[in-house]
Every structure is written in C-alpha cells, then in structure tokens.
Amino acid sequence: MEKTSDKVSDKADLTAVPIWRCVDKECKVWVREEMAASDTPECPMCKGKMIRGIKHLPKLIHKHKSAPRNKA
C-alpha cells in the first residue's frame, strides 16, 4: 500500500501550468507560458505554430541570488 500513497502525494505536488505547445505532431516542444518569448511564440525547434494548453507540473522554484558582499 505504500506505493499508492506515494503516487497520491506526488500528484498533490503538481500544479496546472499554462503552456504553449507546438502543433506539429512530430515535434514534442512545449514552453511554460511565463517563459515564452512573446504573446504568440513560434516553436523554437521547428519554427511552427504553437497553441496554448495545460500541463500538470511541479511548482517552479525561483531562486534569488543574494547581492554581492563588499569586502571591506
């Protein structure tokens, strides 16, 4: 029964994320909407059209670099 509880906890960590995905069936490229280069991006690999979609992904952790310290 441990495997079932592990799967449930893994799914709880996922979030519905808006994405752009390539319309070409052979191209597997997708990009998080927040990281897209424009409001209507083109596929970075095949230069084809991209459409909006949803993907369930782990939350993206934004790491902030600390300011450089002055060596005085």
PDB file of N, CA and C in Angstrom:
ATOM      1  N   MET A   1       0.805  -1.207   0.000  1.00  0.00           N
ATOM      2  CA  MET A   1       0.000   0.000   0.000  1.00  0.00           C
ATOM      3  C   MET A   1       0.846   1.269   0.000  1.00  0.00           C
ATOM      4  N   GLU A   2       2.111   1.157   0.279  1.00  0.00           N
ATOM      5  CA  GLU A   2       2.962   2.339   0.301  1.00  0.00           C
ATOM      6  C   GLU A   2       3.076   2.976  -1.071  1.00  0.00           C
ATOM      7  N   LYS A   3       3.084   2.176  -2.121  1.00  0.00           N
ATOM      8  CA  LYS A   3       3.208   2.717  -3.466  1.00  0.00           C
ATOM      9  C   LYS A   3       2.031   3.609  -3.817  1.00  0.00           C
ATOM     10  N   THR A   4       0.841   3.243  -3.396  1.00  0.00           N
ATOM     11  CA  THR A   4      -0.345   4.050  -3.671  1.00  0.00           C
ATOM     12  C   THR A   4      -0.253   5.402  -2.976  1.00  0.00           C
ATOM     13  N   SER A   5       0.157   5.408  -1.726  1.00  0.00           N
ATOM     14  CA  SER A   5       0.258   6.684  -1.001  1.00  0.00           C
ATOM     15  C   SER A   5       1.356   7.563  -1.593  1.00  0.00           C
ATOM     16  N   ASP A   6       2.435   6.959  -2.100  1.00  0.00           N
ATOM     17  CA  ASP A   6       3.487   7.735  -2.748  1.00  0.00           C
ATOM     18  C   ASP A   6       2.950   8.414  -4.001  1.00  0.00           C
ATOM     19  N   LYS A   7       2.154   7.714  -4.792  1.00  0.00           N
ATOM     20  CA  LYS A   7       1.595   8.284  -6.015  1.00  0.00           C
ATOM     21  C   LYS A   7       0.649   9.439  -5.700  1.00  0.00           C
ATOM     22  N   VAL A   8      -0.154   9.288  -4.660  1.00  0.00           N
ATOM     23  CA  VAL A   8      -1.091  10.341  -4.276  1.00  0.00           C
ATOM     24  C   VAL A   8      -0.334  11.583  -3.832  1.00  0.00           C
ATOM     25  N   SER A   9       0.723  11.413  -3.041  1.00  0.00           N
ATOM     26  CA  SER A   9       1.488  12.570  -2.579  1.00  0.00           C
ATOM     27  C   SER A   9       2.230  13.235  -3.739  1.00  0.00           C
ATOM     28  N   ASP A  10       2.687  12.451  -4.737  1.00  0.00           N
ATOM     29  CA  ASP A  10       3.331  13.024  -5.911  1.00  0.00           C
ATOM     30  C   ASP A  10       2.351  13.882  -6.698  1.00  0.00           C
ATOM     31  N   LYS A  11       1.112  13.419  -6.859  1.00  0.00           N
ATOM     32  CA  LYS A  11       0.110  14.169  -7.604  1.00  0.00           C
ATOM     33  C   LYS A  11      -0.293  15.440  -6.864  1.00  0.00           C
ATOM     34  N   ALA A  12      -0.243  15.424  -5.553  1.00  0.00           N
ATOM     35  CA  ALA A  12      -0.607  16.604  -4.773  1.00  0.00           C
ATOM     36  C   ALA A  12       0.393  17.734  -4.981  1.00  0.00           C
ATOM     37  N   ASP A  13       1.624  17.399  -5.342  1.00  0.00           N
ATOM     38  CA  ASP A  13       2.662  18.405  -5.544  1.00  0.00           C
ATOM     39  C   ASP A  13       2.592  19.051  -6.925  1.00  0.00           C
ATOM     40  N   LEU A  14       1.728  18.550  -7.798  1.00  0.00           N
ATOM     41  CA  LEU A  14       1.627  19.077  -9.157  1.00  0.00           C
ATOM     42  C   LEU A  14       0.636  20.236  -9.225  1.00  0.00           C
ATOM     43  N   THR A  15       0.914  21.158 -10.129  1.00  0.00           N
ATOM     44  CA  THR A  15       0.072  22.328 -10.331  1.00  0.00           C
ATOM     45  C   THR A  15      -0.272  22.438 -11.812  1.00  0.00           C
ATOM     46  N   ALA A  16      -1.488  22.848 -12.131  1.00  0.00           N
ATOM     47  CA  ALA A  16      -1.871  23.082 -13.523  1.00  0.00           C
ATOM     48  C   ALA A  16      -1.153  24.337 -14.009  1.00  0.00           C
ATOM     49  N   VAL A  17      -0.319  24.176 -15.035  1.00  0.00           N
ATOM     50  CA  VAL A  17       0.518  25.271 -15.534  1.00  0.00           C
ATOM     51  C   VAL A  17       0.138  25.570 -16.986  1.00  0.00           C
ATOM     52  N   PRO A  18      -0.161  26.831 -17.308  1.00  0.00           N
ATOM     53  CA  PRO A  18      -0.426  27.179 -18.707  1.00  0.00           C
ATOM     54  C   PRO A  18       0.858  27.072 -19.525  1.00  0.00           C
ATOM     55  N   ILE A  19       0.752  26.429 -20.686  1.00  0.00           N
ATOM     56  CA  ILE A  19       1.918  26.237 -21.546  1.00  0.00           C
ATOM     57  C   ILE A  19       1.585  26.582 -22.993  1.00  0.00           C
ATOM     58  N   TRP A  20       2.613  26.699 -23.805  1.00  0.00           N
ATOM     59  CA  TRP A  20       2.499  26.760 -25.253  1.00  0.00           C
ATOM     60  C   TRP A  20       3.104  25.471 -25.773  1.00  0.00           C
ATOM     61  N   ARG A  21       2.413  24.771 -26.681  1.00  0.00           N
ATOM     62  CA  ARG A  21       2.967  23.560 -27.272  1.00  0.00           C
ATOM     63  C   ARG A  21       2.877  23.635 -28.783  1.00  0.00           C
ATOM     64  N   CYS A  22       3.826  22.982 -29.435  1.00  0.00           N
ATOM     65  CA  CYS A  22       3.904  23.003 -30.891  1.00  0.00           C
ATOM     66  C   CYS A  22       2.758  22.185 -31.474  1.00  0.00           C
ATOM     67  N   VAL A  23       2.158  22.675 -32.571  1.00  0.00           N
ATOM     68  CA  VAL A  23       1.040  21.962 -33.202  1.00  0.00           C
ATOM     69  C   VAL A  23       1.505  20.788 -34.062  1.00  0.00           C
ATOM     70  N   ASP A  24       2.776  20.756 -34.441  1.00  0.00           N
ATOM     71  CA  ASP A  24       3.310  19.658 -35.247  1.00  0.00           C
ATOM     72  C   ASP A  24       3.327  18.379 -34.411  1.00  0.00           C
ATOM     73  N   LYS A  25       2.685  17.321 -34.905  1.00  0.00           N
ATOM     74  CA  LYS A  25       2.574  16.063 -34.170  1.00  0.00           C
ATOM     75  C   LYS A  25       3.940  15.428 -33.898  1.00  0.00           C
ATOM     76  N   GLU A  26       4.903  15.645 -34.780  1.00  0.00           N
ATOM     77  CA  GLU A  26       6.219  15.045 -34.610  1.00  0.00           C
ATOM     78  C   GLU A  26       7.126  15.863 -33.693  1.00  0.00           C
ATOM     79  N   CYS A  27       6.791  17.107 -33.481  1.00  0.00           N
ATOM     80  CA  CYS A  27       7.586  17.994 -32.621  1.00  0.00           C
ATOM     81  C   CYS A  27       7.016  17.919 -31.199  1.00  0.00           C
ATOM     82  N   LYS A  28       7.841  17.666 -30.222  1.00  0.00           N
ATOM     83  CA  LYS A  28       7.398  17.486 -28.837  1.00  0.00           C
ATOM     84  C   LYS A  28       7.660  18.708 -27.952  1.00  0.00           C
ATOM     85  N   VAL A  29       7.952  19.843 -28.564  1.00  0.00           N
ATOM     86  CA  VAL A  29       8.349  21.033 -27.809  1.00  0.00           C
ATOM     87  C   VAL A  29       7.165  21.680 -27.104  1.00  0.00           C
ATOM     88  N   TRP A  30       7.396  22.099 -25.858  1.00  0.00           N
ATOM     89  CA  TRP A  30       6.439  22.913 -25.112  1.00  0.00           C
ATOM     90  C   TRP A  30       7.230  23.865 -24.225  1.00  0.00           C
ATOM     91  N   VAL A  31       6.586  24.999 -23.886  1.00  0.00           N
ATOM     92  CA  VAL A  31       7.227  26.049 -23.083  1.00  0.00           C
ATOM     93  C   VAL A  31       6.218  26.562 -22.073  1.00  0.00           C
ATOM     94  N   ARG A  32       6.658  26.785 -20.845  1.00  0.00           N
ATOM     95  CA  ARG A  32       5.773  27.421 -19.856  1.00  0.00           C
ATOM     96  C   ARG A  32       5.382  28.794 -20.376  1.00  0.00           C
ATOM     97  N   GLU A  33       4.118  29.149 -20.209  1.00  0.00           N
ATOM     98  CA  GLU A  33       3.625  30.447 -20.708  1.00  0.00           C
ATOM     99  C   GLU A  33       4.423  31.608 -20.133  1.00  0.00           C
ATOM    100  N   GLU A  34       4.788  31.516 -18.863  1.00  0.00           N
ATOM    101  CA  GLU A  34       5.523  32.603 -18.209  1.00  0.00           C
ATOM    102  C   GLU A  34       6.949  32.753 -18.749  1.00  0.00           C
ATOM    103  N   MET A  35       7.446  31.743 -19.465  1.00  0.00           N
ATOM    104  CA  MET A  35       8.801  31.816 -20.016  1.00  0.00           C
ATOM    105  C   MET A  35       8.815  31.976 -21.536  1.00  0.00           C
ATOM    106  N   ALA A  36       7.652  32.165 -22.131  1.00  0.00           N
ATOM    107  CA  ALA A  36       7.567  32.341 -23.583  1.00  0.00           C
ATOM    108  C   ALA A  36       8.168  33.683 -23.984  1.00  0.00           C
ATOM    109  N   ALA A  37       8.775  33.700 -25.155  1.00  0.00           N
ATOM    110  CA  ALA A  37       9.448  34.904 -25.633  1.00  0.00           C
ATOM    111  C   ALA A  37       8.474  36.006 -26.051  1.00  0.00           C
ATOM    112  N   SER A  38       7.244  35.636 -26.425  1.00  0.00           N
ATOM    113  CA  SER A  38       6.264  36.638 -26.841  1.00  0.00           C
ATOM    114  C   SER A  38       4.856  36.144 -26.492  1.00  0.00           C
ATOM    115  N   ASP A  39       3.855  36.983 -26.798  1.00  0.00           N
ATOM    116  CA  ASP A  39       2.465  36.605 -26.526  1.00  0.00           C
ATOM    117  C   ASP A  39       1.977  35.495 -27.454  1.00  0.00           C
ATOM    118  N   THR A  40       2.549  35.410 -28.643  1.00  0.00           N
ATOM    119  CA  THR A  40       2.222  34.346 -29.598  1.00  0.00           C
ATOM    120  C   THR A  40       3.533  33.762 -30.130  1.00  0.00           C
ATOM    121  N   PRO A  41       4.184  32.909 -29.334  1.00  0.00           N
ATOM    122  CA  PRO A  41       5.503  32.410 -29.715  1.00  0.00           C
ATOM    123  C   PRO A  41       5.452  31.423 -30.878  1.00  0.00           C
ATOM    124  N   GLU A  42       6.582  31.297 -31.559  1.00  0.00           N
ATOM    125  CA  GLU A  42       6.725  30.242 -32.559  1.00  0.00           C
ATOM    126  C   GLU A  42       7.631  29.179 -31.951  1.00  0.00           C
ATOM    127  N   CYS A  43       7.524  27.964 -32.430  1.00  0.00           N
ATOM    128  CA  CYS A  43       8.297  26.857 -31.896  1.00  0.00           C
ATOM    129  C   CYS A  43       9.791  27.133 -32.074  1.00  0.00           C
ATOM    130  N   PRO A  44      10.566  27.041 -31.004  1.00  0.00           N
ATOM    131  CA  PRO A  44      11.998  27.317 -31.114  1.00  0.00           C
ATOM    132  C   PRO A  44      12.757  26.244 -31.906  1.00  0.00           C
ATOM    133  N   MET A  45      12.163  25.075 -32.070  1.00  0.00           N
ATOM    134  CA  MET A  45      12.846  23.989 -32.777  1.00  0.00           C
ATOM    135  C   MET A  45      12.482  23.952 -34.261  1.00  0.00           C
ATOM    136  N   CYS A  46      11.177  23.891 -34.571  1.00  0.00           N
ATOM    137  CA  CYS A  46      10.766  23.720 -35.968  1.00  0.00           C
ATOM    138  C   CYS A  46      10.210  25.008 -36.580  1.00  0.00           C
ATOM    139  N   LYS A  47      10.102  26.074 -35.777  1.00  0.00           N
ATOM    140  CA  LYS A  47       9.584  27.380 -36.209  1.00  0.00           C
ATOM    141  C   LYS A  47       8.108  27.323 -36.614  1.00  0.00           C
ATOM    142  N   GLY A  48       7.397  26.293 -36.154  1.00  0.00           N
ATOM    143  CA  GLY A  48       5.977  26.157 -36.450  1.00  0.00           C
ATOM    144  C   GLY A  48       5.121  26.938 -35.473  1.00  0.00           C
ATOM    145  N   LYS A  49       3.802  26.809 -35.644  1.00  0.00           N
ATOM    146  CA  LYS A  49       2.837  27.480 -34.777  1.00  0.00           C
ATOM    147  C   LYS A  49       2.762  26.772 -33.431  1.00  0.00           C
ATOM    148  N   MET A  50       2.438  27.538 -32.390  1.00  0.00           N
ATOM    149  CA  MET A  50       2.238  26.957 -31.067  1.00  0.00           C
ATOM    150  C   MET A  50       0.850  27.330 -30.578  1.00  0.00           C
ATOM    151  N   ILE A  51       0.238  26.419 -29.794  1.00  0.00           N
ATOM    152  CA  ILE A  51      -1.078  26.671 -29.219  1.00  0.00           C
ATOM    153  C   ILE A  51      -0.996  26.539 -27.703  1.00  0.00           C
ATOM    154  N   ARG A  52      -1.957  27.176 -27.044  1.00  0.00           N
ATOM    155  CA  ARG A  52      -1.994  27.123 -25.579  1.00  0.00           C
ATOM    156  C   ARG A  52      -2.514  25.770 -25.115  1.00  0.00           C
ATOM    157  N   GLY A  53      -2.068  25.398 -23.929  1.00  0.00           N
ATOM    158  CA  GLY A  53      -2.524  24.170 -23.304  1.00  0.00           C
ATOM    159  C   GLY A  53      -2.240  24.222 -21.819  1.00  0.00           C
ATOM    160  N   ILE A  54      -2.509  23.112 -21.144  1.00  0.00           N
ATOM    161  CA  ILE A  54      -2.264  22.998 -19.706  1.00  0.00           C
ATOM    162  C   ILE A  54      -1.449  21.730 -19.478  1.00  0.00           C
ATOM    163  N   LYS A  55      -0.476  21.813 -18.594  1.00  0.00           N
ATOM    164  CA  LYS A  55       0.333  20.655 -18.223  1.00  0.00           C
ATOM    165  C   LYS A  55       0.421  20.650 -16.705  1.00  0.00           C
ATOM    166  N   HIS A  56       0.318  19.486 -16.102  1.00  0.00           N
ATOM    167  CA  HIS A  56       0.433  19.372 -14.655  1.00  0.00           C
ATOM    168  C   HIS A  56       1.895  19.116 -14.309  1.00  0.00           C
ATOM    169  N   LEU A  57       2.510  20.118 -13.671  1.00  0.00           N
ATOM    170  CA  LEU A  57       3.946  20.105 -13.395  1.00  0.00           C
ATOM    171  C   LEU A  57       4.221  20.469 -11.943  1.00  0.00           C
ATOM    172  N   PRO A  58       5.412  20.112 -11.466  1.00  0.00           N
ATOM    173  CA  PRO A  58       5.806  20.582 -10.137  1.00  0.00           C
ATOM    174  C   PRO A  58       5.939  22.099 -10.150  1.00  0.00           C
ATOM    175  N   LYS A  59       5.734  22.718  -8.996  1.00  0.00           N
ATOM    176  CA  LYS A  59       5.874  24.171  -8.909  1.00  0.00           C
ATOM    177  C   LYS A  59       7.290  24.568  -9.253  1.00  0.00           C
ATOM    178  N   LEU A  60       7.430  25.676  -9.964  1.00  0.00           N
ATOM    179  CA  LEU A  60       8.735  26.202 -10.344  1.00  0.00           C
ATOM    180  C   LEU A  60       9.268  27.034  -9.191  1.00  0.00           C
ATOM    181  N   ILE A  61      10.465  26.736  -8.743  1.00  0.00           N
ATOM    182  CA  ILE A  61      11.063  27.453  -7.622  1.00  0.00           C
ATOM    183  C   ILE A  61      11.987  28.521  -8.182  1.00  0.00           C
ATOM    184  N   HIS A  62      11.684  29.773  -7.860  1.00  0.00           N
ATOM    185  CA  HIS A  62      12.515  30.896  -8.297  1.00  0.00           C
ATOM    186  C   HIS A  62      13.580  31.139  -7.239  1.00  0.00           C
ATOM    187  N   LYS A  63      14.825  30.925  -7.616  1.00  0.00           N
ATOM    188  CA  LYS A  63      15.917  31.151  -6.677  1.00  0.00           C
ATOM    189  C   LYS A  63      16.481  32.546  -6.906  1.00  0.00           C
ATOM    190  N   HIS A  64      16.611  33.290  -5.846  1.00  0.00           N
ATOM    191  CA  HIS A  64      17.147  34.646  -5.923  1.00  0.00           C
ATOM    192  C   HIS A  64      18.607  34.615  -5.478  1.00  0.00           C
ATOM    193  N   LYS A  65      19.449  35.218  -6.283  1.00  0.00           N
ATOM    194  CA  LYS A  65      20.849  35.318  -5.892  1.00  0.00           C
ATOM    195  C   LYS A  65      20.995  36.471  -4.913  1.00  0.00           C
ATOM    196  N   SER A  66      21.769  36.252  -3.889  1.00  0.00           N
ATOM    197  CA  SER A  66      21.980  37.329  -2.927  1.00  0.00           C
ATOM    198  C   SER A  66      22.925  38.366  -3.510  1.00  0.00           C
ATOM    199  N   ALA A  67      22.792  39.580  -3.046  1.00  0.00           N
ATOM    200  CA  ALA A  67      23.629  40.680  -3.527  1.00  0.00           C
ATOM    201  C   ALA A  67      25.076  40.417  -3.140  1.00  0.00           C
ATOM    202  N   PRO A  68      26.021  40.778  -4.003  1.00  0.00           N
ATOM    203  CA  PRO A  68      27.434  40.566  -3.660  1.00  0.00           C
ATOM    204  C   PRO A  68      27.821  41.397  -2.444  1.00  0.00           C
ATOM    205  N   ARG A  69      28.623  40.782  -1.617  1.00  0.00           N
ATOM    206  CA  ARG A  69      29.075  41.470  -0.405  1.00  0.00           C
ATOM    207  C   ARG A  69      30.320  42.291  -0.684  1.00  0.00           C
ATOM    208  N   ASN A  70      30.382  43.456  -0.049  1.00  0.00           N
ATOM    209  CA  ASN A  70      31.579  44.292  -0.158  1.00  0.00           C
ATOM    210  C   ASN A  70      32.654  43.753   0.753  1.00  0.00           C
ATOM    211  N   LYS A  71      33.853  43.592   0.216  1.00  0.00           N
ATOM    212  CA  LYS A  71      34.966  43.130   1.048  1.00  0.00           C
ATOM    213  C   LYS A  71      35.682  44.357   1.583  1.00  0.00           C
ATOM    214  N   ALA A  72      35.319  44.763   2.766  1.00  0.00           N
ATOM    215  CA  ALA A  72      35.916  45.970   3.346  1.00  0.00           C
ATOM    216  C   ALA A  72      36.831  45.623   4.476  1.00  0.00           C
TER     217      ALA A  72
END
